[in-house]
Structures are given as structure tokens and as C-alpha cells.
PDB file of all heavy atoms in Angstrom:
ATOM      1  N   ALA A   1       0.832  -1.206   0.000  1.00  0.00           N
ATOM      2  CA  ALA A   1       0.000   0.000   0.000  1.00  0.00           C
ATOM      3  C   ALA A   1       0.866   1.256   0.000  1.00  0.00           C
ATOM      4  O   ALA A   1       0.536   2.241  -0.668  1.00  0.00           O
ATOM      5  CB  ALA A   1      -0.949  -0.010   1.198  1.00  0.00           C
ATOM      6  N   ALA A   2       1.981   1.222   0.718  1.00  0.00           N
ATOM      7  CA  ALA A   2       2.887   2.370   0.711  1.00  0.00           C
ATOM      8  C   ALA A   2       3.477   2.583  -0.685  1.00  0.00           C
ATOM      9  O   ALA A   2       3.554   3.719  -1.169  1.00  0.00           O
ATOM     10  CB  ALA A   2       4.000   2.179   1.738  1.00  0.00           C
ATOM     11  N   VAL A   3       3.848   1.497  -1.347  1.00  0.00           N
ATOM     12  CA  VAL A   3       4.367   1.604  -2.718  1.00  0.00           C
ATOM     13  C   VAL A   3       3.309   2.210  -3.631  1.00  0.00           C
ATOM     14  O   VAL A   3       3.584   3.142  -4.398  1.00  0.00           O
ATOM     15  CB  VAL A   3       4.826   0.223  -3.242  1.00  0.00           C
ATOM     16  CG1 VAL A   3       5.043   0.243  -4.750  1.00  0.00           C
ATOM     17  CG2 VAL A   3       6.098  -0.220  -2.527  1.00  0.00           C
ATOM     18  N   GLU A   4       2.088   1.704  -3.543  1.00  0.00           N
ATOM     19  CA  GLU A   4       1.008   2.229  -4.386  1.00  0.00           C
ATOM     20  C   GLU A   4       0.733   3.701  -4.086  1.00  0.00           C
ATOM     21  O   GLU A   4       0.491   4.498  -4.998  1.00  0.00           O
ATOM     22  CB  GLU A   4      -0.266   1.408  -4.214  1.00  0.00           C
ATOM     23  CG  GLU A   4      -0.175   0.018  -4.796  1.00  0.00           C
ATOM     24  CD  GLU A   4      -0.223  -0.011  -6.317  1.00  0.00           C
ATOM     25  OE1 GLU A   4      -0.120   1.036  -6.989  1.00  0.00           O
ATOM     26  OE2 GLU A   4      -0.364  -1.118  -6.851  1.00  0.00           O
ATOM     27  N   ALA A   5       0.776   4.081  -2.817  1.00  0.00           N
ATOM     28  CA  ALA A   5       0.552   5.480  -2.447  1.00  0.00           C
ATOM     29  C   ALA A   5       1.649   6.364  -3.021  1.00  0.00           C
ATOM     30  O   ALA A   5       1.371   7.451  -3.544  1.00  0.00           O
ATOM     31  CB  ALA A   5       0.493   5.627  -0.926  1.00  0.00           C
ATOM     32  N   LEU A   6       2.878   5.914  -2.924  1.00  0.00           N
ATOM     33  CA  LEU A   6       3.988   6.686  -3.472  1.00  0.00           C
ATOM     34  C   LEU A   6       3.874   6.824  -4.986  1.00  0.00           C
ATOM     35  O   LEU A   6       4.066   7.912  -5.531  1.00  0.00           O
ATOM     36  CB  LEU A   6       5.318   6.033  -3.090  1.00  0.00           C
ATOM     37  CG  LEU A   6       5.680   6.162  -1.612  1.00  0.00           C
ATOM     38  CD1 LEU A   6       6.799   5.185  -1.251  1.00  0.00           C
ATOM     39  CD2 LEU A   6       6.067   7.592  -1.272  1.00  0.00           C
ATOM     40  N   LEU A   7       3.541   5.732  -5.658  1.00  0.00           N
ATOM     41  CA  LEU A   7       3.368   5.791  -7.109  1.00  0.00           C
ATOM     42  C   LEU A   7       2.222   6.720  -7.491  1.00  0.00           C
ATOM     43  O   LEU A   7       2.339   7.513  -8.429  1.00  0.00           O
ATOM     44  CB  LEU A   7       3.125   4.387  -7.676  1.00  0.00           C
ATOM     45  CG  LEU A   7       4.313   3.426  -7.608  1.00  0.00           C
ATOM     46  CD1 LEU A   7       3.869   2.017  -7.966  1.00  0.00           C
ATOM     47  CD2 LEU A   7       5.450   3.902  -8.502  1.00  0.00           C
ATOM     48  N   ALA A   8       1.114   6.638  -6.745  1.00  0.00           N
ATOM     49  CA  ALA A   8      -0.047   7.483  -7.039  1.00  0.00           C
ATOM     50  C   ALA A   8       0.252   8.961  -6.828  1.00  0.00           C
ATOM     51  O   ALA A   8      -0.363   9.824  -7.457  1.00  0.00           O
ATOM     52  CB  ALA A   8      -1.245   7.068  -6.176  1.00  0.00           C
ATOM     53  N   SER A   9       1.223   9.250  -5.972  1.00  0.00           N
ATOM     54  CA  SER A   9       1.575  10.652  -5.726  1.00  0.00           C
ATOM     55  C   SER A   9       2.761  11.108  -6.574  1.00  0.00           C
ATOM     56  O   SER A   9       3.291  12.195  -6.366  1.00  0.00           O
ATOM     57  CB  SER A   9       1.854  10.881  -4.239  1.00  0.00           C
ATOM     58  OG  SER A   9       2.987  10.149  -3.831  1.00  0.00           O
ATOM     59  N   GLY A  10       3.172  10.267  -7.526  1.00  0.00           N
ATOM     60  CA  GLY A  10       4.190  10.685  -8.480  1.00  0.00           C
ATOM     61  C   GLY A  10       5.619  10.266  -8.189  1.00  0.00           C
ATOM     62  O   GLY A  10       6.538  10.666  -8.896  1.00  0.00           O
ATOM     63  N   THR A  11       5.832   9.465  -7.166  1.00  0.00           N
ATOM     64  CA  THR A  11       7.180   8.993  -6.853  1.00  0.00           C
ATOM     65  C   THR A  11       7.589   7.941  -7.880  1.00  0.00           C
ATOM     66  O   THR A  11       6.800   7.072  -8.226  1.00  0.00           O
ATOM     67  CB  THR A  11       7.223   8.391  -5.433  1.00  0.00           C
ATOM     68  OG1 THR A  11       6.797   9.389  -4.501  1.00  0.00           O
ATOM     69  CG2 THR A  11       8.614   7.918  -5.058  1.00  0.00           C
ATOM     70  N   SER A  12       8.804   8.010  -8.341  1.00  0.00           N
ATOM     71  CA  SER A  12       9.278   7.062  -9.363  1.00  0.00           C
ATOM     72  C   SER A  12       9.707   5.743  -8.721  1.00  0.00           C
ATOM     73  O   SER A  12      10.061   5.686  -7.532  1.00  0.00           O
ATOM     74  CB  SER A  12      10.465   7.649 -10.120  1.00  0.00           C
ATOM     75  OG  SER A  12      11.611   7.690  -9.287  1.00  0.00           O
ATOM     76  N   TRP A  13       9.711   4.714  -9.553  1.00  0.00           N
ATOM     77  CA  TRP A  13      10.195   3.411  -9.098  1.00  0.00           C
ATOM     78  C   TRP A  13      11.666   3.503  -8.701  1.00  0.00           C
ATOM     79  O   TRP A  13      12.115   2.798  -7.789  1.00  0.00           O
ATOM     80  CB  TRP A  13       9.994   2.345 -10.168  1.00  0.00           C
ATOM     81  CG  TRP A  13       8.649   1.695 -10.098  1.00  0.00           C
ATOM     82  CD1 TRP A  13       7.609   1.866 -10.968  1.00  0.00           C
ATOM     83  CD2 TRP A  13       8.189   0.765  -9.113  1.00  0.00           C
ATOM     84  NE1 TRP A  13       6.534   1.102 -10.570  1.00  0.00           N
ATOM     85  CE2 TRP A  13       6.860   0.416  -9.435  1.00  0.00           C
ATOM     86  CE3 TRP A  13       8.761   0.200  -7.976  1.00  0.00           C
ATOM     87  CZ2 TRP A  13       6.110  -0.477  -8.678  1.00  0.00           C
ATOM     88  CZ3 TRP A  13       8.016  -0.686  -7.211  1.00  0.00           C
ATOM     89  CH2 TRP A  13       6.712  -1.020  -7.557  1.00  0.00           C
ATOM     90  N   ASP A  14      12.427   4.344  -9.360  1.00  0.00           N
ATOM     91  CA  ASP A  14      13.840   4.490  -9.006  1.00  0.00           C
ATOM     92  C   ASP A  14      14.001   5.025  -7.582  1.00  0.00           C
ATOM     93  O   ASP A  14      14.875   4.575  -6.842  1.00  0.00           O
ATOM     94  CB  ASP A  14      14.560   5.397 -10.002  1.00  0.00           C
ATOM     95  CG  ASP A  14      14.797   4.706 -11.342  1.00  0.00           C
ATOM     96  OD1 ASP A  14      15.046   3.482 -11.349  1.00  0.00           O
ATOM     97  OD2 ASP A  14      14.738   5.385 -12.378  1.00  0.00           O
ATOM     98  N   ARG A  15      13.177   5.976  -7.210  1.00  0.00           N
ATOM     99  CA  ARG A  15      13.239   6.515  -5.832  1.00  0.00           C
ATOM    100  C   ARG A  15      12.790   5.474  -4.821  1.00  0.00           C
ATOM    101  O   ARG A  15      13.350   5.373  -3.727  1.00  0.00           O
ATOM    102  CB  ARG A  15      12.401   7.786  -5.714  1.00  0.00           C
ATOM    103  CG  ARG A  15      13.071   8.948  -6.452  1.00  0.00           C
ATOM    104  CD  ARG A  15      12.448  10.275  -6.168  1.00  0.00           C
ATOM    105  NE  ARG A  15      12.607  10.615  -4.753  1.00  0.00           N
ATOM    106  CZ  ARG A  15      11.783  11.428  -4.099  1.00  0.00           C
ATOM    107  NH1 ARG A  15      10.776  11.999  -4.735  1.00  0.00           N
ATOM    108  NH2 ARG A  15      11.976  11.700  -2.840  1.00  0.00           N
ATOM    109  N   ILE A  16      11.767   4.689  -5.183  1.00  0.00           N
ATOM    110  CA  ILE A  16      11.313   3.609  -4.303  1.00  0.00           C
ATOM    111  C   ILE A  16      12.434   2.590  -4.141  1.00  0.00           C
ATOM    112  O   ILE A  16      12.718   2.132  -3.027  1.00  0.00           O
ATOM    113  CB  ILE A  16      10.021   2.971  -4.844  1.00  0.00           C
ATOM    114  CG1 ILE A  16       8.858   3.971  -4.737  1.00  0.00           C
ATOM    115  CG2 ILE A  16       9.698   1.673  -4.106  1.00  0.00           C
ATOM    116  CD1 ILE A  16       7.600   3.568  -5.483  1.00  0.00           C
ATOM    117  N   ALA A  17      13.087   2.242  -5.249  1.00  0.00           N
ATOM    118  CA  ALA A  17      14.214   1.303  -5.197  1.00  0.00           C
ATOM    119  C   ALA A  17      15.302   1.813  -4.260  1.00  0.00           C
ATOM    120  O   ALA A  17      15.832   1.055  -3.439  1.00  0.00           O
ATOM    121  CB  ALA A  17      14.769   1.071  -6.599  1.00  0.00           C
ATOM    122  N   ALA A  18      15.632   3.088  -4.382  1.00  0.00           N
ATOM    123  CA  ALA A  18      16.668   3.666  -3.523  1.00  0.00           C
ATOM    124  C   ALA A  18      16.267   3.580  -2.054  1.00  0.00           C
ATOM    125  O   ALA A  18      17.092   3.247  -1.199  1.00  0.00           O
ATOM    126  CB  ALA A  18      16.937   5.113  -3.929  1.00  0.00           C
ATOM    127  N   ALA A  19      15.006   3.855  -1.760  1.00  0.00           N
ATOM    128  CA  ALA A  19      14.531   3.790  -0.379  1.00  0.00           C
ATOM    129  C   ALA A  19      14.612   2.370   0.180  1.00  0.00           C
ATOM    130  O   ALA A  19      14.830   2.176   1.380  1.00  0.00           O
ATOM    131  CB  ALA A  19      13.097   4.304  -0.293  1.00  0.00           C
ATOM    132  N   LEU A  20      14.442   1.389  -0.704  1.00  0.00           N
ATOM    133  CA  LEU A  20      14.489  -0.013  -0.286  1.00  0.00           C
ATOM    134  C   LEU A  20      15.897  -0.601  -0.360  1.00  0.00           C
ATOM    135  O   LEU A  20      16.104  -1.772  -0.028  1.00  0.00           O
ATOM    136  CB  LEU A  20      13.544  -0.853  -1.162  1.00  0.00           C
ATOM    137  CG  LEU A  20      12.066  -0.521  -1.038  1.00  0.00           C
ATOM    138  CD1 LEU A  20      11.260  -1.302  -2.075  1.00  0.00           C
ATOM    139  CD2 LEU A  20      11.562  -0.810   0.372  1.00  0.00           C
ATOM    140  N   GLY A  21      16.858   0.200  -0.820  1.00  0.00           N
ATOM    141  CA  GLY A  21      18.226  -0.287  -0.937  1.00  0.00           C
ATOM    142  C   GLY A  21      18.419  -1.254  -2.092  1.00  0.00           C
ATOM    143  O   GLY A  21      19.296  -2.118  -2.040  1.00  0.00           O
ATOM    144  N   LEU A  22      17.611  -1.099  -3.131  1.00  0.00           N
ATOM    145  CA  LEU A  22      17.676  -1.979  -4.297  1.00  0.00           C
ATOM    146  C   LEU A  22      18.338  -1.244  -5.463  1.00  0.00           C
ATOM    147  O   LEU A  22      18.320  -0.023  -5.521  1.00  0.00           O
ATOM    148  CB  LEU A  22      16.267  -2.447  -4.668  1.00  0.00           C
ATOM    149  CG  LEU A  22      15.580  -3.284  -3.583  1.00  0.00           C
ATOM    150  CD1 LEU A  22      14.112  -3.499  -3.911  1.00  0.00           C
ATOM    151  CD2 LEU A  22      16.295  -4.610  -3.409  1.00  0.00           C
ATOM    152  N   PRO A  23      18.893  -1.990  -6.423  1.00  0.00           N
ATOM    153  CA  PRO A  23      19.677  -1.368  -7.485  1.00  0.00           C
ATOM    154  C   PRO A  23      18.885  -0.588  -8.534  1.00  0.00           C
ATOM    155  O   PRO A  23      19.476   0.209  -9.263  1.00  0.00           O
ATOM    156  CB  PRO A  23      20.401  -2.554  -8.140  1.00  0.00           C
ATOM    157  CG  PRO A  23      19.576  -3.739  -7.815  1.00  0.00           C
ATOM    158  CD  PRO A  23      18.949  -3.447  -6.482  1.00  0.00           C
ATOM    159  N   GLY A  24      17.593  -0.782  -8.649  1.00  0.00           N
ATOM    160  CA  GLY A  24      16.853  -0.036  -9.663  1.00  0.00           C
ATOM    161  C   GLY A  24      15.373  -0.359  -9.654  1.00  0.00           C
ATOM    162  O   GLY A  24      14.884  -1.157  -8.842  1.00  0.00           O
ATOM    163  N   ALA A  25      14.684   0.275 -10.588  1.00  0.00           N
ATOM    164  CA  ALA A  25      13.229   0.170 -10.667  1.00  0.00           C
ATOM    165  C   ALA A  25      12.765  -1.273 -10.852  1.00  0.00           C
ATOM    166  O   ALA A  25      11.819  -1.720 -10.187  1.00  0.00           O
ATOM    167  CB  ALA A  25      12.705   1.043 -11.810  1.00  0.00           C
ATOM    168  N   GLU A  26      13.420  -1.993 -11.744  1.00  0.00           N
ATOM    169  CA  GLU A  26      13.004  -3.378 -12.013  1.00  0.00           C
ATOM    170  C   GLU A  26      13.140  -4.248 -10.764  1.00  0.00           C
ATOM    171  O   GLU A  26      12.271  -5.060 -10.453  1.00  0.00           O
ATOM    172  CB  GLU A  26      13.829  -3.950 -13.158  1.00  0.00           C
ATOM    173  CG  GLU A  26      13.310  -5.279 -13.667  1.00  0.00           C
ATOM    174  CD  GLU A  26      14.054  -5.736 -14.909  1.00  0.00           C
ATOM    175  OE1 GLU A  26      14.143  -4.949 -15.871  1.00  0.00           O
ATOM    176  OE2 GLU A  26      14.546  -6.875 -14.885  1.00  0.00           O
ATOM    177  N   ALA A  27      14.214  -4.059 -10.031  1.00  0.00           N
ATOM    178  CA  ALA A  27      14.420  -4.823  -8.799  1.00  0.00           C
ATOM    179  C   ALA A  27      13.348  -4.473  -7.769  1.00  0.00           C
ATOM    180  O   ALA A  27      12.829  -5.351  -7.068  1.00  0.00           O
ATOM    181  CB  ALA A  27      15.801  -4.552  -8.228  1.00  0.00           C
ATOM    182  N   ALA A  28      13.000  -3.196  -7.674  1.00  0.00           N
ATOM    183  CA  ALA A  28      11.964  -2.770  -6.727  1.00  0.00           C
ATOM    184  C   ALA A  28      10.606  -3.344  -7.106  1.00  0.00           C
ATOM    185  O   ALA A  28       9.847  -3.786  -6.239  1.00  0.00           O
ATOM    186  CB  ALA A  28      11.893  -1.247  -6.666  1.00  0.00           C
ATOM    187  N   GLN A  29      10.304  -3.348  -8.389  1.00  0.00           N
ATOM    188  CA  GLN A  29       9.031  -3.910  -8.841  1.00  0.00           C
ATOM    189  C   GLN A  29       8.963  -5.393  -8.510  1.00  0.00           C
ATOM    190  O   GLN A  29       7.931  -5.879  -8.035  1.00  0.00           O
ATOM    191  CB  GLN A  29       8.846  -3.672 -10.338  1.00  0.00           C
ATOM    192  CG  GLN A  29       8.591  -2.224 -10.668  1.00  0.00           C
ATOM    193  CD  GLN A  29       8.649  -1.934 -12.160  1.00  0.00           C
ATOM    194  OE1 GLN A  29       9.122  -2.742 -12.958  1.00  0.00           O
ATOM    195  NE2 GLN A  29       8.179  -0.764 -12.544  1.00  0.00           N
ATOM    196  N   GLY A  30      10.045  -6.105  -8.744  1.00  0.00           N
ATOM    197  CA  GLY A  30      10.069  -7.534  -8.431  1.00  0.00           C
ATOM    198  C   GLY A  30       9.982  -7.801  -6.939  1.00  0.00           C
ATOM    199  O   GLY A  30       9.252  -8.690  -6.495  1.00  0.00           O
ATOM    200  N   ALA A  31      10.717  -7.015  -6.160  1.00  0.00           N
ATOM    201  CA  ALA A  31      10.763  -7.224  -4.715  1.00  0.00           C
ATOM    202  C   ALA A  31       9.443  -6.894  -4.033  1.00  0.00           C
ATOM    203  O   ALA A  31       9.126  -7.446  -2.978  1.00  0.00           O
ATOM    204  CB  ALA A  31      11.885  -6.390  -4.100  1.00  0.00           C
ATOM    205  N   THR A  32       8.668  -6.008  -4.622  1.00  0.00           N
ATOM    206  CA  THR A  32       7.418  -5.584  -3.982  1.00  0.00           C
ATOM    207  C   THR A  32       6.172  -6.161  -4.649  1.00  0.00           C
ATOM    208  O   THR A  32       5.058  -5.848  -4.229  1.00  0.00           O
ATOM    209  CB  THR A  32       7.312  -4.046  -3.965  1.00  0.00           C
ATOM    210  OG1 THR A  32       7.312  -3.555  -5.307  1.00  0.00           O
ATOM    211  CG2 THR A  32       8.443  -3.416  -3.158  1.00  0.00           C
ATOM    212  N   ALA A  33       6.337  -7.011  -5.655  1.00  0.00           N
ATOM    213  CA  ALA A  33       5.180  -7.527  -6.404  1.00  0.00           C
ATOM    214  C   ALA A  33       4.172  -8.233  -5.508  1.00  0.00           C
ATOM    215  O   ALA A  33       2.957  -7.992  -5.608  1.00  0.00           O
ATOM    216  CB  ALA A  33       5.648  -8.456  -7.522  1.00  0.00           C
ATOM    217  N   GLU A  34       4.640  -9.092  -4.613  1.00  0.00           N
ATOM    218  CA  GLU A  34       3.730  -9.802  -3.714  1.00  0.00           C
ATOM    219  C   GLU A  34       3.018  -8.821  -2.779  1.00  0.00           C
ATOM    220  O   GLU A  34       1.816  -8.944  -2.526  1.00  0.00           O
ATOM    221  CB  GLU A  34       4.500 -10.837  -2.891  1.00  0.00           C
ATOM    222  CG  GLU A  34       3.631 -11.617  -1.918  1.00  0.00           C
ATOM    223  CD  GLU A  34       4.430 -12.573  -1.052  1.00  0.00           C
ATOM    224  OE1 GLU A  34       5.579 -12.905  -1.380  1.00  0.00           O
ATOM    225  OE2 GLU A  34       3.875 -12.986  -0.017  1.00  0.00           O
ATOM    226  N   SER A  35       3.751  -7.839  -2.286  1.00  0.00           N
ATOM    227  CA  SER A  35       3.171  -6.843  -1.386  1.00  0.00           C
ATOM    228  C   SER A  35       2.127  -5.991  -2.093  1.00  0.00           C
ATOM    229  O   SER A  35       1.072  -5.697  -1.535  1.00  0.00           O
ATOM    230  CB  SER A  35       4.269  -5.943  -0.812  1.00  0.00           C
ATOM    231  OG  SER A  35       5.142  -6.681  -0.001  1.00  0.00           O
ATOM    232  N   VAL A  36       2.421  -5.598  -3.324  1.00  0.00           N
ATOM    233  CA  VAL A  36       1.470  -4.788  -4.096  1.00  0.00           C
ATOM    234  C   VAL A  36       0.198  -5.584  -4.366  1.00  0.00           C
ATOM    235  O   VAL A  36      -0.911  -5.058  -4.234  1.00  0.00           O
ATOM    236  CB  VAL A  36       2.131  -4.278  -5.399  1.00  0.00           C
ATOM    237  CG1 VAL A  36       1.109  -3.697  -6.353  1.00  0.00           C
ATOM    238  CG2 VAL A  36       3.201  -3.243  -5.063  1.00  0.00           C
ATOM    239  N   ALA A  37       0.338  -6.862  -4.690  1.00  0.00           N
ATOM    240  CA  ALA A  37      -0.842  -7.704  -4.915  1.00  0.00           C
ATOM    241  C   ALA A  37      -1.659  -7.855  -3.633  1.00  0.00           C
ATOM    242  O   ALA A  37      -2.897  -7.786  -3.661  1.00  0.00           O
ATOM    243  CB  ALA A  37      -0.422  -9.074  -5.443  1.00  0.00           C
ATOM    244  N   ALA A  38      -0.992  -8.027  -2.504  1.00  0.00           N
ATOM    245  CA  ALA A  38      -1.694  -8.146  -1.219  1.00  0.00           C
ATOM    246  C   ALA A  38      -2.410  -6.843  -0.871  1.00  0.00           C
ATOM    247  O   ALA A  38      -3.540  -6.850  -0.361  1.00  0.00           O
ATOM    248  CB  ALA A  38      -0.708  -8.530  -0.114  1.00  0.00           C
ATOM    249  N   ALA A  39      -1.778  -5.721  -1.162  1.00  0.00           N
ATOM    250  CA  ALA A  39      -2.398  -4.420  -0.897  1.00  0.00           C
ATOM    251  C   ALA A  39      -3.599  -4.194  -1.799  1.00  0.00           C
ATOM    252  O   ALA A  39      -4.621  -3.651  -1.363  1.00  0.00           O
ATOM    253  CB  ALA A  39      -1.383  -3.297  -1.085  1.00  0.00           C
ATOM    254  N   ASP A  40      -3.491  -4.615  -3.041  1.00  0.00           N
ATOM    255  CA  ASP A  40      -4.607  -4.484  -3.968  1.00  0.00           C
ATOM    256  C   ASP A  40      -5.813  -5.272  -3.464  1.00  0.00           C
ATOM    257  O   ASP A  40      -6.943  -4.775  -3.479  1.00  0.00           O
ATOM    258  CB  ASP A  40      -4.186  -4.950  -5.363  1.00  0.00           C
ATOM    259  CG  ASP A  40      -5.245  -4.664  -6.404  1.00  0.00           C
ATOM    260  OD1 ASP A  40      -5.690  -3.504  -6.501  1.00  0.00           O
ATOM    261  OD2 ASP A  40      -5.628  -5.616  -7.120  1.00  0.00           O
ATOM    262  N   GLU A  41      -5.566  -6.471  -2.970  1.00  0.00           N
ATOM    263  CA  GLU A  41      -6.654  -7.286  -2.415  1.00  0.00           C
ATOM    264  C   GLU A  41      -7.246  -6.625  -1.169  1.00  0.00           C
ATOM    265  O   GLU A  41      -8.464  -6.586  -0.990  1.00  0.00           O
ATOM    266  CB  GLU A  41      -6.149  -8.690  -2.088  1.00  0.00           C
ATOM    267  CG  GLU A  41      -7.178  -9.590  -1.449  1.00  0.00           C
ATOM    268  CD  GLU A  41      -8.420  -9.802  -2.304  1.00  0.00           C
ATOM    269  OE1 GLU A  41      -8.332  -9.786  -3.544  1.00  0.00           O
ATOM    270  OE2 GLU A  41      -9.511  -9.978  -1.718  1.00  0.00           O
ATOM    271  N   ALA A  42      -6.397  -6.079  -0.316  1.00  0.00           N
ATOM    272  CA  ALA A  42      -6.883  -5.382   0.880  1.00  0.00           C
ATOM    273  C   ALA A  42      -7.721  -4.166   0.505  1.00  0.00           C
ATOM    274  O   ALA A  42      -8.745  -3.887   1.133  1.00  0.00           O
ATOM    275  CB  ALA A  42      -5.701  -4.963   1.769  1.00  0.00           C
TER     276      ALA A  42
END
């Protein structure tokens, strides 16, 4: 839900990746895919 909120407010995947200590947008998308799906269901 935090990822979705950040994306909805214009935060880039690259910034999300940096916050998570990941190397880039693709890594952040992969690392958070399960969480994003769970948030969508919630």
C-alpha cells in the first residue's frame, strides 16, 4: 500500500528502489510484487 501510495503521488520506481536499498526500478518492482498484490486485495 505504501508503494502504491507513493506511485499514485508521483514517486518514481527508481526513488522507491533507492529507499528499499535496491539497485533499480526493475528490482523494486520484483521485490514488492507480492506486497502490491496483497495491498490491492486489501
